[in-house]
Amino acid sequence: MKNILLVVALLAISFSNAQAFEGKGDTKFQVGANFQEYATGINVSYDYGLGENMSVGLSSTYTLGISDGLDADFGDRFDLKARFNANLGNVINIDENFDFYPGLSLSLKNFGGHVGARYFFSQGFGVYSEASFPLAKYSNDKSKVGYYIHNQFAFNIGAVFNL
């Protein structure tokens, strides 16, 4: 019984010390699944805090499964984005473990936006979800596979880690 109480107490302390975004110098690494209409894949991202409510970073997606009829090589399956986030968790003040972040990204495929949320269960681990969408595509040529992969609404979900 004492062991169970000790574990519960340690978990409660670790949950109370979690904080979603700490501001300047804060670093986050996210890894998760990417879902698009014509493809599914893996998404990884890294964010670095510039100020109390701003961060910049990189995000990359590689599609593993694509729809039948699309013939994609490595260049079509891979995308890399530079991103800017406005971390608003402490502004909307839902919970200190929660961060809401809208942002913009410039990628190899398009200029786009994203909206995401993170929730931390402990000081170093949490979950995230993120929706991204193109605002300006580099090409509207429907005969190319790049029009269908990474140039549409996408949803990411996975784990986030404090570094």
Protein backbone atom coordinates (compact mmCIF):
# COMPACT_ATOMS: atom_id res chain seq x y z
CA MET A 1 0.00 0.00 0.00
CA LYS A 2 2.86 2.39 0.81
CA ASN A 3 4.38 1.78 -2.64
CA ILE A 4 1.10 2.66 -4.34
CA LEU A 5 0.81 5.90 -2.33
CA LEU A 6 4.43 6.76 -3.16
CA VAL A 7 3.84 6.24 -6.90
CA VAL A 8 0.63 8.32 -6.79
CA ALA A 9 2.43 11.11 -4.90
CA LEU A 10 5.35 11.13 -7.35
CA LEU A 11 2.97 11.24 -10.33
CA ALA A 12 0.99 14.09 -8.77
CA ILE A 13 4.18 16.07 -8.16
CA SER A 14 5.44 15.44 -11.71
CA PHE A 15 2.08 16.47 -13.15
CA SER A 16 2.01 19.66 -11.11
CA ASN A 17 5.52 20.63 -12.29
CA ALA A 18 4.75 20.18 -15.99
CA GLN A 19 4.63 23.32 -18.07
CA ALA A 20 3.73 23.43 -21.73
CA PHE A 21 5.78 26.41 -22.95
CA GLU A 22 8.34 28.20 -20.81
CA GLY A 23 9.38 30.97 -23.18
CA LYS A 24 12.86 32.00 -24.31
CA GLY A 25 15.21 29.02 -24.71
CA ASP A 26 12.47 26.40 -24.36
CA THR A 27 12.92 23.48 -26.79
CA LYS A 28 10.35 20.93 -27.92
CA PHE A 29 10.67 17.83 -30.10
CA GLN A 30 7.56 16.21 -31.55
CA VAL A 31 7.16 12.93 -33.40
CA GLY A 32 3.90 11.56 -34.69
CA ALA A 33 1.67 10.30 -37.46
CA ASN A 34 0.69 12.45 -40.44
CA PHE A 35 -2.69 12.01 -42.14
CA GLN A 36 -3.60 13.56 -45.51
CA GLU A 37 -6.31 12.73 -48.02
CA TYR A 38 -3.89 11.04 -50.42
CA ALA A 39 -1.14 9.91 -48.04
CA THR A 40 -0.13 8.94 -44.52
CA GLY A 41 3.31 9.24 -43.01
CA ILE A 42 5.59 10.36 -40.20
CA ASN A 43 5.98 13.91 -38.93
CA VAL A 44 8.81 15.27 -36.77
CA SER A 45 9.24 18.84 -35.59
CA TYR A 46 11.51 20.92 -33.41
CA ASP A 47 10.61 24.26 -31.82
CA TYR A 48 12.87 26.76 -30.04
CA GLY A 49 11.47 29.53 -27.84
CA LEU A 50 12.49 33.07 -28.82
CA GLY A 51 10.40 34.89 -26.25
CA GLU A 52 7.54 34.51 -23.82
CA ASN A 53 5.05 33.64 -26.58
CA MET A 54 7.12 33.06 -29.74
CA SER A 55 9.00 30.09 -31.12
CA VAL A 56 10.61 29.10 -34.40
CA GLY A 57 11.52 25.69 -35.67
CA LEU A 58 11.62 23.04 -38.34
CA SER A 59 9.09 20.41 -39.30
CA SER A 60 9.48 17.52 -41.70
CA THR A 61 7.07 14.95 -43.05
CA TYR A 62 7.75 11.80 -45.02
CA THR A 63 4.81 9.94 -46.51
CA LEU A 64 4.92 6.17 -46.30
CA GLY A 65 1.57 5.19 -47.77
CA ILE A 66 0.08 6.96 -50.77
CA SER A 67 -3.14 6.50 -52.69
CA ASP A 68 -3.32 4.10 -55.60
CA GLY A 69 -2.61 5.79 -58.89
CA LEU A 70 0.01 8.15 -57.47
CA ASP A 71 3.61 7.35 -58.30
CA ALA A 72 5.85 9.24 -55.88
CA ASP A 73 9.62 9.26 -55.52
CA PHE A 74 11.60 10.47 -52.47
CA GLY A 75 11.34 14.14 -53.45
CA ASP A 76 7.56 13.89 -53.71
CA ARG A 77 7.23 12.08 -50.38
CA PHE A 78 9.51 14.42 -48.37
CA ASP A 79 8.73 17.93 -47.17
CA LEU A 80 10.70 20.30 -44.92
CA LYS A 81 9.22 23.42 -43.33
CA ALA A 82 10.59 26.41 -41.46
CA ARG A 83 7.94 27.51 -39.00
CA PHE A 84 6.94 30.31 -36.64
CA ASN A 85 4.55 29.75 -33.71
CA ALA A 86 2.63 32.09 -31.43
CA ASN A 87 2.47 30.08 -28.19
CA LEU A 88 -0.72 31.22 -26.49
CA GLY A 89 -1.13 28.70 -23.67
CA ASN A 90 -0.36 31.23 -20.93
CA VAL A 91 -2.50 33.89 -22.66
CA ILE A 92 -5.70 31.82 -22.78
CA ASN A 93 -4.74 30.25 -19.41
CA ILE A 94 -6.68 26.99 -19.61
CA ASP A 95 -4.04 24.94 -17.77
CA GLU A 96 -0.30 25.46 -17.26
CA ASN A 97 0.28 22.07 -18.93
CA PHE A 98 -1.58 23.14 -22.08
CA ASP A 99 -0.20 25.14 -25.01
CA PHE A 100 -2.18 26.36 -28.02
CA TYR A 101 -0.07 27.57 -30.95
CA PRO A 102 -1.17 28.97 -34.31
CA GLY A 103 1.61 29.64 -36.79
CA LEU A 104 2.95 30.03 -40.30
CA SER A 105 5.34 27.84 -42.26
CA LEU A 106 7.41 28.07 -45.41
CA SER A 107 8.11 24.65 -46.94
CA LEU A 108 9.61 23.04 -50.00
CA LYS A 109 6.03 22.54 -51.29
CA ASN A 110 4.07 25.62 -50.18
CA PHE A 111 3.52 28.53 -47.83
CA GLY A 112 1.03 27.52 -45.17
CA GLY A 113 -0.43 27.81 -41.75
CA HIS A 114 -0.95 25.48 -38.85
CA VAL A 115 -2.85 25.32 -35.58
CA GLY A 116 -1.73 23.00 -32.82
CA ALA A 117 -2.12 22.07 -29.19
CA ARG A 118 0.17 20.35 -26.70
CA TYR A 119 -0.59 18.87 -23.32
CA PHE A 120 2.18 17.77 -20.96
CA PHE A 121 1.65 14.95 -18.45
CA SER A 122 5.08 15.43 -16.87
CA GLN A 123 8.04 17.81 -17.15
CA GLY A 124 9.38 16.02 -20.23
CA PHE A 125 6.50 14.19 -21.95
CA GLY A 126 3.16 15.08 -23.49
CA VAL A 127 0.93 14.68 -26.53
CA TYR A 128 0.25 17.03 -29.41
CA SER A 129 -2.14 17.44 -32.31
CA GLU A 130 -1.70 19.81 -35.20
CA ALA A 131 -3.63 20.73 -38.31
CA SER A 132 -1.79 22.28 -41.26
CA PHE A 133 -3.08 23.78 -44.48
CA PRO A 134 -1.55 25.45 -47.55
CA LEU A 135 -2.16 29.15 -48.07
CA ALA A 136 -0.20 29.42 -51.33
CA LYS A 137 0.91 26.42 -53.42
CA TYR A 138 4.01 26.65 -55.57
CA SER A 139 2.27 24.78 -58.38
CA ASN A 140 -1.34 24.07 -59.29
CA ASP A 141 -0.38 21.47 -61.90
CA LYS A 142 -2.74 18.55 -61.17
CA SER A 143 -0.72 16.25 -63.42
CA LYS A 144 2.13 16.22 -60.87
CA VAL A 145 2.02 14.07 -57.74
CA GLY A 146 3.26 17.00 -55.62
CA TYR A 147 -0.11 18.67 -56.08
CA TYR A 148 -1.71 15.83 -54.10
CA ILE A 149 0.93 15.19 -51.41
CA HIS A 150 1.83 17.88 -48.84
CA ASN A 151 -0.40 20.42 -50.61
CA GLN A 152 -3.62 19.74 -48.79
CA PHE A 153 -5.09 19.80 -45.30
CA ALA A 154 -3.06 17.50 -43.03
CA PHE A 155 -3.47 16.35 -39.45
CA ASN A 156 -0.62 15.28 -37.14
CA ILE A 157 -0.91 13.55 -33.78
CA GLY A 158 1.80 12.16 -31.55
CA ALA A 159 4.18 12.64 -28.64
CA VAL A 160 6.05 15.78 -27.59
CA PHE A 161 9.20 15.95 -25.49
CA ASN A 162 10.95 18.78 -23.64
CA LEU A 163 14.65 18.85 -24.50
